[in-house]
Amino acid sequence: MKLYTSHRTPNPRRVLMFIAEKGITGIELVPVDLFKGEHRSESFAGMNPMSQIPVLELDDGRQLAETRAICSYLEGVYPQPNLMGEGFEERAFIEMADRRCELQLFLKIANCIRHTHPGLAPLEQPQFADFGAAQGRKMRDTARWLDGVLAQQEFVAGGRFTIADITAFCALEFARGLMKFRPGEEGFGHLQAWRDRIAERPSAEQS
């Protein structure tokens, strides 16, 4: 298999961290330079008409896009260690937590950065600074909610590490680098302590 990815981009990092947690080896990494527009090339659009990364090319030549879909495929091929739930009930609650982190935390961070950071201007035209700033404020509402969750339990979806932790961690690391967001400095001590624990995992360093 081949994974089309890009350095320091959060969605590919989610997949890479998932792969590392699984201990999967043998997937070839193919770099895609976003700032050179390689994701908008005719050949890449042939793999993913949305012109977004990551894309997983399967051994039979098919291409699978969308981060969670890629992780679902890998979970099926490599079922252990389990990261998406054992049985329908646990899977449903993990997916709820993961989707909340993706839509309410990750997406708002991405929108804030893409619309306010000058370095991202080549990728997001036009930029809407007011929208980006509003998304940054709303992201903090989600961070406050997540801080409360982590005051009651060890991990985002409950008592064990799952894909929801990967999504939330990669979102916060994206915000840490380009929004200078430090949860502990804004009163979210439980979220900061959780982030620091996840950062110590080997998968966080490899991704």
N, C-alpha and C. Protein backbone atom coordinates (compact mmCIF):
# COMPACT_ATOMS: atom_id res chain seq x y z
N MET A 1 0.84 -1.20 0.00
CA MET A 1 0.00 0.00 0.00
C MET A 1 0.87 1.25 0.00
N LYS A 2 0.31 2.34 -0.52
CA LYS A 2 0.99 3.63 -0.53
C LYS A 2 0.10 4.67 0.14
N LEU A 3 0.71 5.52 0.97
CA LEU A 3 -0.02 6.61 1.61
C LEU A 3 0.52 7.92 1.07
N TYR A 4 -0.34 8.66 0.39
CA TYR A 4 0.03 9.98 -0.11
C TYR A 4 -0.18 10.98 1.03
N THR A 5 0.88 11.65 1.39
CA THR A 5 0.87 12.44 2.62
C THR A 5 1.65 13.73 2.42
N SER A 6 1.68 14.57 3.42
CA SER A 6 2.43 15.82 3.37
C SER A 6 2.92 16.16 4.77
N HIS A 7 4.15 16.63 4.83
CA HIS A 7 4.79 16.91 6.12
C HIS A 7 4.06 18.00 6.88
N ARG A 8 3.83 17.75 8.17
CA ARG A 8 3.27 18.73 9.11
C ARG A 8 1.82 19.09 8.82
N THR A 9 1.12 18.27 8.10
CA THR A 9 -0.30 18.54 7.87
C THR A 9 -1.12 17.63 8.77
N PRO A 10 -2.18 18.15 9.36
CA PRO A 10 -2.83 17.42 10.46
C PRO A 10 -3.60 16.16 10.07
N ASN A 11 -4.28 16.16 8.93
CA ASN A 11 -5.02 14.94 8.57
C ASN A 11 -4.09 13.77 8.26
N PRO A 12 -3.06 13.97 7.44
CA PRO A 12 -2.10 12.87 7.28
C PRO A 12 -1.47 12.45 8.61
N ARG A 13 -1.24 13.41 9.50
CA ARG A 13 -0.67 13.04 10.79
C ARG A 13 -1.60 12.12 11.57
N ARG A 14 -2.90 12.34 11.46
CA ARG A 14 -3.86 11.45 12.13
C ARG A 14 -3.69 10.01 11.64
N VAL A 15 -3.56 9.85 10.32
CA VAL A 15 -3.40 8.51 9.76
C VAL A 15 -2.05 7.92 10.17
N LEU A 16 -1.00 8.72 10.12
CA LEU A 16 0.32 8.23 10.49
C LEU A 16 0.38 7.81 11.96
N MET A 17 -0.29 8.56 12.82
CA MET A 17 -0.33 8.20 14.23
C MET A 17 -1.13 6.91 14.43
N PHE A 18 -2.22 6.77 13.69
CA PHE A 18 -3.03 5.55 13.74
C PHE A 18 -2.18 4.35 13.30
N ILE A 19 -1.44 4.51 12.21
CA ILE A 19 -0.57 3.45 11.71
C ILE A 19 0.48 3.08 12.76
N ALA A 20 1.07 4.11 13.38
CA ALA A 20 2.10 3.86 14.39
C ALA A 20 1.53 3.13 15.60
N GLU A 21 0.34 3.51 16.05
CA GLU A 21 -0.29 2.83 17.18
C GLU A 21 -0.57 1.37 16.85
N LYS A 22 -0.90 1.11 15.60
CA LYS A 22 -1.18 -0.26 15.16
C LYS A 22 0.10 -1.08 14.98
N GLY A 23 1.21 -0.39 14.83
CA GLY A 23 2.46 -1.09 14.55
C GLY A 23 2.53 -1.62 13.13
N ILE A 24 1.82 -0.96 12.21
CA ILE A 24 1.79 -1.40 10.82
C ILE A 24 3.07 -0.97 10.12
N THR A 25 3.66 -1.89 9.39
CA THR A 25 4.87 -1.58 8.61
C THR A 25 4.60 -1.91 7.14
N GLY A 26 5.45 -1.39 6.29
CA GLY A 26 5.37 -1.74 4.88
C GLY A 26 4.52 -0.83 4.03
N ILE A 27 3.93 0.22 4.61
CA ILE A 27 3.18 1.18 3.80
C ILE A 27 4.14 2.24 3.29
N GLU A 28 4.24 2.36 1.98
CA GLU A 28 5.13 3.34 1.38
C GLU A 28 4.53 4.74 1.52
N LEU A 29 5.33 5.69 1.97
CA LEU A 29 4.87 7.07 2.10
C LEU A 29 5.28 7.86 0.86
N VAL A 30 4.31 8.49 0.22
CA VAL A 30 4.55 9.27 -0.99
C VAL A 30 4.28 10.74 -0.67
N PRO A 31 5.31 11.58 -0.63
CA PRO A 31 5.09 12.99 -0.27
C PRO A 31 4.38 13.77 -1.37
N VAL A 32 3.48 14.65 -0.95
CA VAL A 32 2.76 15.54 -1.85
C VAL A 32 3.03 16.97 -1.38
N ASP A 33 3.60 17.80 -2.24
CA ASP A 33 3.93 19.18 -1.88
C ASP A 33 2.72 20.08 -2.13
N LEU A 34 2.06 20.47 -1.06
CA LEU A 34 0.85 21.28 -1.20
C LEU A 34 1.17 22.68 -1.73
N PHE A 35 2.30 23.24 -1.31
CA PHE A 35 2.61 24.61 -1.70
C PHE A 35 3.06 24.70 -3.15
N LYS A 36 3.42 23.58 -3.74
CA LYS A 36 3.69 23.54 -5.17
C LYS A 36 2.44 23.15 -5.96
N GLY A 37 1.34 22.92 -5.24
CA GLY A 37 0.09 22.60 -5.88
C GLY A 37 0.00 21.19 -6.44
N GLU A 38 0.84 20.28 -5.93
CA GLU A 38 0.84 18.92 -6.46
C GLU A 38 -0.50 18.21 -6.22
N HIS A 39 -1.21 18.62 -5.18
CA HIS A 39 -2.52 18.00 -4.89
C HIS A 39 -3.59 18.44 -5.89
N ARG A 40 -3.29 19.49 -6.67
CA ARG A 40 -4.24 19.96 -7.67
C ARG A 40 -3.88 19.48 -9.08
N SER A 41 -2.87 18.67 -9.16
CA SER A 41 -2.45 18.18 -10.47
C SER A 41 -3.49 17.21 -11.03
N GLU A 42 -3.45 17.02 -12.34
CA GLU A 42 -4.40 16.12 -12.99
C GLU A 42 -4.23 14.69 -12.49
N SER A 43 -2.98 14.30 -12.28
CA SER A 43 -2.74 12.92 -11.84
C SER A 43 -3.26 12.68 -10.43
N PHE A 44 -3.08 13.67 -9.54
CA PHE A 44 -3.58 13.49 -8.17
C PHE A 44 -5.10 13.55 -8.14
N ALA A 45 -5.69 14.45 -8.90
CA ALA A 45 -7.15 14.54 -8.95
C ALA A 45 -7.77 13.26 -9.49
N GLY A 46 -7.00 12.51 -10.27
CA GLY A 46 -7.47 11.22 -10.73
C GLY A 46 -7.62 10.23 -9.61
N MET A 47 -6.83 10.42 -8.54
CA MET A 47 -6.94 9.57 -7.36
C MET A 47 -8.00 10.08 -6.40
N ASN A 48 -8.04 11.40 -6.23
CA ASN A 48 -9.00 12.01 -5.32
C ASN A 48 -9.52 13.30 -5.94
N PRO A 49 -10.74 13.28 -6.47
CA PRO A 49 -11.26 14.49 -7.13
C PRO A 49 -11.42 15.67 -6.19
N MET A 50 -11.38 15.45 -4.86
CA MET A 50 -11.43 16.55 -3.90
C MET A 50 -10.08 17.25 -3.77
N SER A 51 -9.03 16.66 -4.36
CA SER A 51 -7.67 17.22 -4.30
C SER A 51 -7.20 17.45 -2.87
N GLN A 52 -7.46 16.47 -2.02
CA GLN A 52 -7.06 16.57 -0.62
C GLN A 52 -6.26 15.34 -0.23
N ILE A 53 -5.41 15.54 0.75
CA ILE A 53 -4.65 14.43 1.32
C ILE A 53 -5.18 14.17 2.73
N PRO A 54 -4.99 12.94 3.21
CA PRO A 54 -4.23 11.82 2.65
C PRO A 54 -5.07 10.98 1.70
N VAL A 55 -4.37 10.15 0.92
CA VAL A 55 -4.99 9.13 0.09
C VAL A 55 -4.21 7.83 0.30
N LEU A 56 -4.93 6.75 0.51
CA LEU A 56 -4.30 5.44 0.65
C LEU A 56 -4.56 4.65 -0.63
N GLU A 57 -3.49 4.28 -1.31
CA GLU A 57 -3.61 3.44 -2.49
C GLU A 57 -3.48 1.99 -2.07
N LEU A 58 -4.50 1.21 -2.34
CA LEU A 58 -4.52 -0.19 -1.92
C LEU A 58 -3.70 -1.05 -2.88
N ASP A 59 -3.41 -2.26 -2.45
CA ASP A 59 -2.59 -3.16 -3.26
C ASP A 59 -3.25 -3.52 -4.58
N ASP A 60 -4.58 -3.41 -4.66
CA ASP A 60 -5.28 -3.73 -5.90
C ASP A 60 -5.44 -2.51 -6.81
N GLY A 61 -4.83 -1.39 -6.41
CA GLY A 61 -4.84 -0.19 -7.25
C GLY A 61 -5.93 0.81 -6.93
N ARG A 62 -6.90 0.44 -6.11
CA ARG A 62 -7.94 1.40 -5.74
C ARG A 62 -7.38 2.43 -4.77
N GLN A 63 -8.00 3.63 -4.80
CA GLN A 63 -7.58 4.69 -3.89
C GLN A 63 -8.69 5.01 -2.90
N LEU A 64 -8.30 5.15 -1.65
CA LEU A 64 -9.23 5.44 -0.57
C LEU A 64 -8.84 6.78 0.05
N ALA A 65 -9.76 7.73 0.04
CA ALA A 65 -9.51 9.04 0.64
C ALA A 65 -10.39 9.21 1.88
N GLU A 66 -10.20 10.32 2.56
CA GLU A 66 -10.88 10.70 3.80
C GLU A 66 -10.24 9.95 4.98
N THR A 67 -9.77 10.75 5.92
CA THR A 67 -8.97 10.23 7.03
C THR A 67 -9.66 9.10 7.78
N ARG A 68 -10.91 9.30 8.17
CA ARG A 68 -11.56 8.26 8.97
C ARG A 68 -11.83 7.00 8.17
N ALA A 69 -12.12 7.17 6.87
CA ALA A 69 -12.32 6.00 6.02
C ALA A 69 -11.03 5.18 5.91
N ILE A 70 -9.91 5.87 5.77
CA ILE A 70 -8.62 5.17 5.72
C ILE A 70 -8.38 4.42 7.02
N CYS A 71 -8.64 5.07 8.14
CA CYS A 71 -8.44 4.41 9.44
C CYS A 71 -9.38 3.22 9.60
N SER A 72 -10.61 3.35 9.13
CA SER A 72 -11.56 2.24 9.21
C SER A 72 -11.06 1.04 8.41
N TYR A 73 -10.50 1.30 7.25
CA TYR A 73 -9.96 0.22 6.43
C TYR A 73 -8.79 -0.46 7.15
N LEU A 74 -7.89 0.35 7.68
CA LEU A 74 -6.73 -0.23 8.37
C LEU A 74 -7.13 -0.97 9.62
N GLU A 75 -8.17 -0.50 10.30
CA GLU A 75 -8.68 -1.20 11.48
C GLU A 75 -9.20 -2.58 11.09
N GLY A 76 -9.82 -2.66 9.91
CA GLY A 76 -10.32 -3.95 9.46
C GLY A 76 -9.22 -4.91 9.06
N VAL A 77 -8.19 -4.39 8.41
CA VAL A 77 -7.07 -5.24 7.97
C VAL A 77 -6.19 -5.63 9.16
N TYR A 78 -6.02 -4.68 10.08
CA TYR A 78 -5.17 -4.90 11.26
C TYR A 78 -6.04 -4.64 12.50
N PRO A 79 -6.85 -5.60 12.91
CA PRO A 79 -7.84 -5.35 13.96
C PRO A 79 -7.27 -5.11 15.36
N GLN A 80 -6.03 -5.48 15.60
CA GLN A 80 -5.44 -5.28 16.92
C GLN A 80 -4.13 -4.52 16.81
N PRO A 81 -3.84 -3.65 17.76
CA PRO A 81 -4.71 -3.25 18.87
C PRO A 81 -5.91 -2.44 18.39
N ASN A 82 -7.04 -2.68 19.00
CA ASN A 82 -8.28 -2.06 18.58
C ASN A 82 -8.30 -0.58 18.97
N LEU A 83 -8.66 0.27 18.01
CA LEU A 83 -8.70 1.71 18.26
C LEU A 83 -10.06 2.34 17.97
N MET A 84 -11.00 1.54 17.42
CA MET A 84 -12.28 2.11 17.01
C MET A 84 -13.48 1.43 17.65
N GLY A 85 -13.23 0.52 18.56
CA GLY A 85 -14.33 -0.09 19.30
C GLY A 85 -14.49 -1.57 19.06
N GLU A 86 -14.73 -2.30 20.14
CA GLU A 86 -15.02 -3.73 20.08
C GLU A 86 -16.54 -3.89 20.22
N GLY A 87 -17.20 -4.25 19.14
CA GLY A 87 -18.65 -4.39 19.19
C GLY A 87 -19.34 -3.08 18.85
N PHE A 88 -20.61 -3.20 18.43
CA PHE A 88 -21.33 -2.03 17.91
C PHE A 88 -21.50 -0.93 18.94
N GLU A 89 -21.69 -1.30 20.20
CA GLU A 89 -21.98 -0.28 21.21
C GLU A 89 -20.76 0.58 21.49
N GLU A 90 -19.62 -0.05 21.73
CA GLU A 90 -18.41 0.73 21.97
C GLU A 90 -18.03 1.52 20.73
N ARG A 91 -18.19 0.92 19.55
CA ARG A 91 -17.87 1.63 18.31
C ARG A 91 -18.70 2.91 18.19
N ALA A 92 -19.96 2.83 18.54
CA ALA A 92 -20.84 4.00 18.43
C ALA A 92 -20.39 5.12 19.35
N PHE A 93 -20.03 4.80 20.59
CA PHE A 93 -19.63 5.85 21.53
C PHE A 93 -18.26 6.43 21.17
N ILE A 94 -17.36 5.59 20.66
CA ILE A 94 -16.07 6.10 20.22
C ILE A 94 -16.24 7.00 19.00
N GLU A 95 -17.13 6.59 18.08
CA GLU A 95 -17.36 7.42 16.91
C GLU A 95 -17.99 8.75 17.30
N MET A 96 -18.88 8.76 18.26
CA MET A 96 -19.46 10.02 18.73
C MET A 96 -18.37 10.96 19.23
N ALA A 97 -17.48 10.44 20.08
CA ALA A 97 -16.40 11.27 20.62
C ALA A 97 -15.47 11.74 19.51
N ASP A 98 -15.16 10.86 18.59
CA ASP A 98 -14.26 11.19 17.49
C ASP A 98 -14.86 12.26 16.59
N ARG A 99 -16.13 12.11 16.26
CA ARG A 99 -16.78 13.10 15.39
C ARG A 99 -16.88 14.46 16.07
N ARG A 100 -17.13 14.47 17.36
CA ARG A 100 -17.17 15.74 18.07
C ARG A 100 -15.80 16.43 18.01
N CYS A 101 -14.77 15.64 18.21
CA CYS A 101 -13.41 16.22 18.15
C CYS A 101 -13.08 16.68 16.74
N GLU A 102 -13.54 15.95 15.74
CA GLU A 102 -13.25 16.30 14.36
C GLU A 102 -14.01 17.55 13.92
N LEU A 103 -15.31 17.59 14.20
CA LEU A 103 -16.14 18.68 13.69
C LEU A 103 -16.11 19.93 14.57
N GLN A 104 -15.99 19.74 15.88
CA GLN A 104 -16.08 20.88 16.79
C GLN A 104 -14.72 21.42 17.25
N LEU A 105 -13.68 20.61 17.14
CA LEU A 105 -12.35 21.05 17.55
C LEU A 105 -11.44 21.17 16.33
N PHE A 106 -11.21 20.04 15.68
CA PHE A 106 -10.28 19.98 14.56
C PHE A 106 -10.69 20.94 13.43
N LEU A 107 -11.95 20.88 13.01
CA LEU A 107 -12.39 21.70 11.88
C LEU A 107 -12.33 23.18 12.20
N LYS A 108 -12.70 23.56 13.42
CA LYS A 108 -12.64 24.98 13.80
C LYS A 108 -11.21 25.48 13.85
N ILE A 109 -10.30 24.65 14.33
CA ILE A 109 -8.88 25.01 14.33
C ILE A 109 -8.40 25.19 12.90
N ALA A 110 -8.73 24.25 12.04
CA ALA A 110 -8.30 24.33 10.64
C ALA A 110 -8.85 25.58 9.97
N ASN A 111 -10.13 25.89 10.21
CA ASN A 111 -10.72 27.08 9.61
C ASN A 111 -10.06 28.35 10.12
N CYS A 112 -9.77 28.39 11.41
CA CYS A 112 -9.10 29.56 11.98
C CYS A 112 -7.74 29.77 11.32
N ILE A 113 -6.96 28.71 11.24
CA ILE A 113 -5.61 28.82 10.70
C ILE A 113 -5.65 29.15 9.21
N ARG A 114 -6.49 28.46 8.46
CA ARG A 114 -6.52 28.66 7.01
C ARG A 114 -6.99 30.06 6.63
N HIS A 115 -7.78 30.69 7.51
CA HIS A 115 -8.32 32.01 7.17
C HIS A 115 -7.62 33.17 7.87
N THR A 116 -6.69 32.88 8.77
CA THR A 116 -6.00 33.98 9.47
C THR A 116 -4.48 33.95 9.33
N HIS A 117 -3.91 32.81 9.02
CA HIS A 117 -2.45 32.71 8.97
C HIS A 117 -1.96 33.08 7.57
N PRO A 118 -1.05 34.07 7.47
CA PRO A 118 -0.59 34.49 6.14
C PRO A 118 0.13 33.38 5.38
N GLY A 119 0.76 32.46 6.10
CA GLY A 119 1.47 31.38 5.44
C GLY A 119 0.56 30.41 4.72
N LEU A 120 -0.74 30.41 5.09
CA LEU A 120 -1.70 29.51 4.47
C LEU A 120 -2.46 30.18 3.32
N ALA A 121 -2.17 31.44 3.06
CA ALA A 121 -2.87 32.16 2.01
C ALA A 121 -2.80 31.47 0.65
N PRO A 122 -1.65 30.88 0.27
CA PRO A 122 -1.62 30.20 -1.04
C PRO A 122 -2.59 29.02 -1.15
N LEU A 123 -3.00 28.47 -0.01
CA LEU A 123 -3.88 27.31 -0.02
C LEU A 123 -5.35 27.68 0.18
N GLU A 124 -5.60 28.88 0.67
CA GLU A 124 -6.99 29.28 1.00
C GLU A 124 -7.26 30.66 0.43
N GLN A 125 -7.83 30.71 -0.73
CA GLN A 125 -8.19 31.98 -1.36
C GLN A 125 -9.66 31.97 -1.77
N PRO A 126 -10.42 33.00 -1.34
CA PRO A 126 -9.97 34.10 -0.50
C PRO A 126 -9.96 33.71 0.98
N GLN A 127 -9.13 34.39 1.75
CA GLN A 127 -9.17 34.23 3.20
C GLN A 127 -10.19 35.21 3.78
N PHE A 128 -10.93 34.74 4.78
CA PHE A 128 -11.90 35.57 5.48
C PHE A 128 -11.47 35.67 6.94
N ALA A 129 -10.77 36.75 7.25
CA ALA A 129 -10.15 36.88 8.56
C ALA A 129 -11.16 36.88 9.70
N ASP A 130 -12.30 37.54 9.52
CA ASP A 130 -13.30 37.60 10.58
C ASP A 130 -13.86 36.20 10.86
N PHE A 131 -14.12 35.45 9.80
CA PHE A 131 -14.60 34.08 9.96
C PHE A 131 -13.55 33.25 10.71
N GLY A 132 -12.29 33.37 10.31
CA GLY A 132 -11.23 32.62 10.96
C GLY A 132 -11.12 32.95 12.44
N ALA A 133 -11.20 34.23 12.78
CA ALA A 133 -11.12 34.65 14.18
C ALA A 133 -12.30 34.10 14.98
N ALA A 134 -13.49 34.11 14.38
CA ALA A 134 -14.67 33.58 15.06
C ALA A 134 -14.54 32.08 15.30
N GLN A 135 -13.96 31.37 14.34
CA GLN A 135 -13.75 29.94 14.51
C GLN A 135 -12.76 29.67 15.64
N GLY A 136 -11.76 30.52 15.78
CA GLY A 136 -10.81 30.38 16.87
C GLY A 136 -11.47 30.55 18.23
N ARG A 137 -12.40 31.48 18.32
CA ARG A 137 -13.12 31.68 19.58
C ARG A 137 -14.04 30.49 19.87
N LYS A 138 -14.73 30.00 18.85
CA LYS A 138 -15.63 28.87 19.05
C LYS A 138 -14.87 27.59 19.39
N MET A 139 -13.67 27.46 18.85
CA MET A 139 -12.84 26.30 19.19
C MET A 139 -12.59 26.24 20.68
N ARG A 140 -12.45 27.38 21.31
CA ARG A 140 -12.18 27.40 22.75
C ARG A 140 -13.40 26.94 23.56
N ASP A 141 -14.59 27.11 23.02
CA ASP A 141 -15.77 26.54 23.67
C ASP A 141 -15.69 25.02 23.68
N THR A 142 -15.24 24.44 22.57
CA THR A 142 -15.06 22.99 22.50
C THR A 142 -13.94 22.55 23.44
N ALA A 143 -12.87 23.32 23.50
CA ALA A 143 -11.77 22.99 24.39
C ALA A 143 -12.23 22.98 25.85
N ARG A 144 -13.12 23.91 26.19
CA ARG A 144 -13.66 23.96 27.55
C ARG A 144 -14.50 22.71 27.83
N TRP A 145 -15.30 22.31 26.86
CA TRP A 145 -16.09 21.07 27.00
C TRP A 145 -15.17 19.86 27.17
N LEU A 146 -14.15 19.78 26.34
CA LEU A 146 -13.25 18.63 26.40
C LEU A 146 -12.45 18.61 27.70
N ASP A 147 -12.10 19.78 28.20
CA ASP A 147 -11.43 19.86 29.49
C ASP A 147 -12.31 19.26 30.58
N GLY A 148 -13.60 19.52 30.52
CA GLY A 148 -14.52 18.94 31.48
C GLY A 148 -14.64 17.44 31.34
N VAL A 149 -14.64 16.94 30.11
CA VAL A 149 -14.66 15.49 29.88
C VAL A 149 -13.45 14.83 30.51
N LEU A 150 -12.29 15.43 30.27
CA LEU A 150 -11.03 14.84 30.75
C LEU A 150 -10.82 15.03 32.24
N ALA A 151 -11.65 15.85 32.86
CA ALA A 151 -11.63 15.92 34.33
C ALA A 151 -12.27 14.68 34.93
N GLN A 152 -13.11 13.98 34.13
CA GLN A 152 -13.86 12.83 34.62
C GLN A 152 -13.32 11.49 34.15
N GLN A 153 -12.54 11.48 33.08
CA GLN A 153 -12.06 10.22 32.54
C GLN A 153 -10.67 10.41 31.95
N GLU A 154 -9.96 9.29 31.78
CA GLU A 154 -8.54 9.34 31.39
C GLU A 154 -8.35 9.69 29.92
N PHE A 155 -9.26 9.24 29.07
CA PHE A 155 -9.11 9.47 27.64
C PHE A 155 -10.39 10.09 27.07
N VAL A 156 -10.32 10.55 25.84
CA VAL A 156 -11.41 11.31 25.24
C VAL A 156 -12.70 10.51 25.18
N ALA A 157 -12.61 9.23 24.81
CA ALA A 157 -13.83 8.42 24.65
C ALA A 157 -14.10 7.50 25.83
N GLY A 158 -13.31 7.62 26.89
CA GLY A 158 -13.55 6.76 28.05
C GLY A 158 -12.27 6.33 28.73
N GLY A 159 -12.19 5.03 29.03
CA GLY A 159 -11.09 4.54 29.84
C GLY A 159 -9.88 4.04 29.10
N ARG A 160 -9.90 4.11 27.76
CA ARG A 160 -8.74 3.64 27.00
C ARG A 160 -8.47 4.53 25.80
N PHE A 161 -7.26 4.43 25.30
CA PHE A 161 -6.82 5.23 24.16
C PHE A 161 -7.53 4.75 22.89
N THR A 162 -8.07 5.69 22.11
CA THR A 162 -8.78 5.34 20.87
C THR A 162 -8.47 6.37 19.78
N ILE A 163 -9.11 6.17 18.64
CA ILE A 163 -8.96 7.11 17.53
C ILE A 163 -9.39 8.52 17.92
N ALA A 164 -10.31 8.65 18.87
CA ALA A 164 -10.75 9.98 19.31
C ALA A 164 -9.60 10.76 19.94
N ASP A 165 -8.72 10.06 20.64
CA ASP A 165 -7.55 10.73 21.21
C ASP A 165 -6.60 11.20 20.11
N ILE A 166 -6.48 10.40 19.07
CA ILE A 166 -5.62 10.78 17.94
C ILE A 166 -6.16 12.04 17.28
N THR A 167 -7.45 12.08 17.02
CA THR A 167 -8.05 13.25 16.38
C THR A 167 -7.87 14.51 17.23
N ALA A 168 -8.16 14.40 18.51
CA ALA A 168 -8.04 15.56 19.39
C ALA A 168 -6.59 16.00 19.54
N PHE A 169 -5.68 15.05 19.68
CA PHE A 169 -4.27 15.39 19.85
C PHE A 169 -3.72 16.09 18.61
N CYS A 170 -3.98 15.55 17.42
CA CYS A 170 -3.47 16.16 16.21
C CYS A 170 -4.08 17.54 15.99
N ALA A 171 -5.32 17.72 16.38
CA ALA A 171 -5.94 19.04 16.30
C ALA A 171 -5.21 20.03 17.20
N LEU A 172 -4.97 19.64 18.44
CA LEU A 172 -4.31 20.55 19.38
C LEU A 172 -2.87 20.85 18.98
N GLU A 173 -2.19 19.86 18.40
CA GLU A 173 -0.82 20.11 17.95
C GLU A 173 -0.81 21.08 16.78
N PHE A 174 -1.80 21.00 15.91
CA PHE A 174 -1.92 21.96 14.82
C PHE A 174 -2.14 23.36 15.39
N ALA A 175 -3.00 23.46 16.39
CA ALA A 175 -3.26 24.75 17.02
C ALA A 175 -2.05 25.25 17.81
N ARG A 176 -1.32 24.33 18.41
CA ARG A 176 -0.14 24.72 19.19
C ARG A 176 0.90 25.36 18.29
N GLY A 177 1.06 24.82 17.08
CA GLY A 177 2.08 25.35 16.19
C GLY A 177 1.70 26.65 15.52
N LEU A 178 0.46 26.74 15.02
CA LEU A 178 0.09 27.89 14.19
C LEU A 178 -0.88 28.87 14.85
N MET A 179 -1.49 28.48 15.97
CA MET A 179 -2.33 29.41 16.72
C MET A 179 -1.70 29.78 18.06
N LYS A 180 -0.59 29.12 18.37
CA LYS A 180 0.09 29.30 19.67
C LYS A 180 -0.87 29.02 20.84
N PHE A 181 -1.76 28.05 20.62
CA PHE A 181 -2.75 27.70 21.64
C PHE A 181 -2.17 26.70 22.62
N ARG A 182 -2.11 27.07 23.90
CA ARG A 182 -1.65 26.20 24.97
C ARG A 182 -2.81 26.06 25.96
N PRO A 183 -3.46 24.91 26.02
CA PRO A 183 -4.64 24.78 26.87
C PRO A 183 -4.42 25.23 28.31
N GLY A 184 -3.28 24.85 28.88
CA GLY A 184 -3.02 25.18 30.27
C GLY A 184 -2.95 26.67 30.53
N GLU A 185 -2.50 27.43 29.55
CA GLU A 185 -2.39 28.88 29.70
C GLU A 185 -3.75 29.57 29.63
N GLU A 186 -4.77 28.84 29.17
CA GLU A 186 -6.11 29.42 29.08
C GLU A 186 -7.08 28.78 30.06
N GLY A 187 -6.52 28.11 31.07
CA GLY A 187 -7.34 27.58 32.15
C GLY A 187 -7.85 26.17 31.94
N PHE A 188 -7.37 25.50 30.90
CA PHE A 188 -7.82 24.13 30.61
C PHE A 188 -6.76 23.13 31.07
N GLY A 189 -6.63 23.00 32.38
CA GLY A 189 -5.56 22.20 32.95
C GLY A 189 -5.69 20.71 32.66
N HIS A 190 -6.91 20.20 32.68
CA HIS A 190 -7.11 18.77 32.40
C HIS A 190 -6.76 18.44 30.95
N LEU A 191 -7.13 19.34 30.06
CA LEU A 191 -6.81 19.15 28.65
C LEU A 191 -5.31 19.22 28.42
N GLN A 192 -4.64 20.12 29.10
CA GLN A 192 -3.18 20.23 28.98
C GLN A 192 -2.50 18.98 29.50
N ALA A 193 -2.94 18.47 30.64
CA ALA A 193 -2.33 17.27 31.21
C ALA A 193 -2.53 16.07 30.30
N TRP A 194 -3.72 15.98 29.71
CA TRP A 194 -3.98 14.89 28.75
C TRP A 194 -3.08 15.03 27.53
N ARG A 195 -2.98 16.23 26.99
CA ARG A 195 -2.12 16.46 25.82
C ARG A 195 -0.68 16.06 26.11
N ASP A 196 -0.20 16.41 27.28
CA ASP A 196 1.18 16.09 27.63
C ASP A 196 1.39 14.58 27.76
N ARG A 197 0.39 13.87 28.27
CA ARG A 197 0.50 12.41 28.36
C ARG A 197 0.51 11.78 26.98
N ILE A 198 -0.36 12.25 26.09
CA ILE A 198 -0.41 11.68 24.74
C ILE A 198 0.90 11.98 23.97
N ALA A 199 1.45 13.13 24.22
CA ALA A 199 2.69 13.51 23.53
C ALA A 199 3.85 12.59 23.88
N GLU A 200 3.74 11.88 24.99
CA GLU A 200 4.80 10.96 25.39
C GLU A 200 4.70 9.60 24.69
N ARG A 201 3.60 9.34 24.00
CA ARG A 201 3.45 8.07 23.29
C ARG A 201 4.38 8.03 22.08
N PRO A 202 5.00 6.89 21.81
CA PRO A 202 5.88 6.78 20.65
C PRO A 202 5.20 7.19 19.34
N SER A 203 3.90 6.92 19.21
CA SER A 203 3.20 7.26 17.98
C SER A 203 3.14 8.77 17.75
N ALA A 204 3.14 9.55 18.83
CA ALA A 204 3.10 11.00 18.70
C ALA A 204 4.42 11.53 18.16
N GLU A 205 5.49 10.85 18.50
CA GLU A 205 6.81 11.28 18.01
C GLU A 205 7.05 10.82 16.58
N GLN A 206 6.50 9.68 16.20
CA GLN A 206 6.75 9.13 14.87
C GLN A 206 5.88 9.77 13.81
N SER A 207 4.73 10.29 14.20
CA SER A 207 3.79 10.80 13.20
C SER A 207 4.14 12.19 12.72
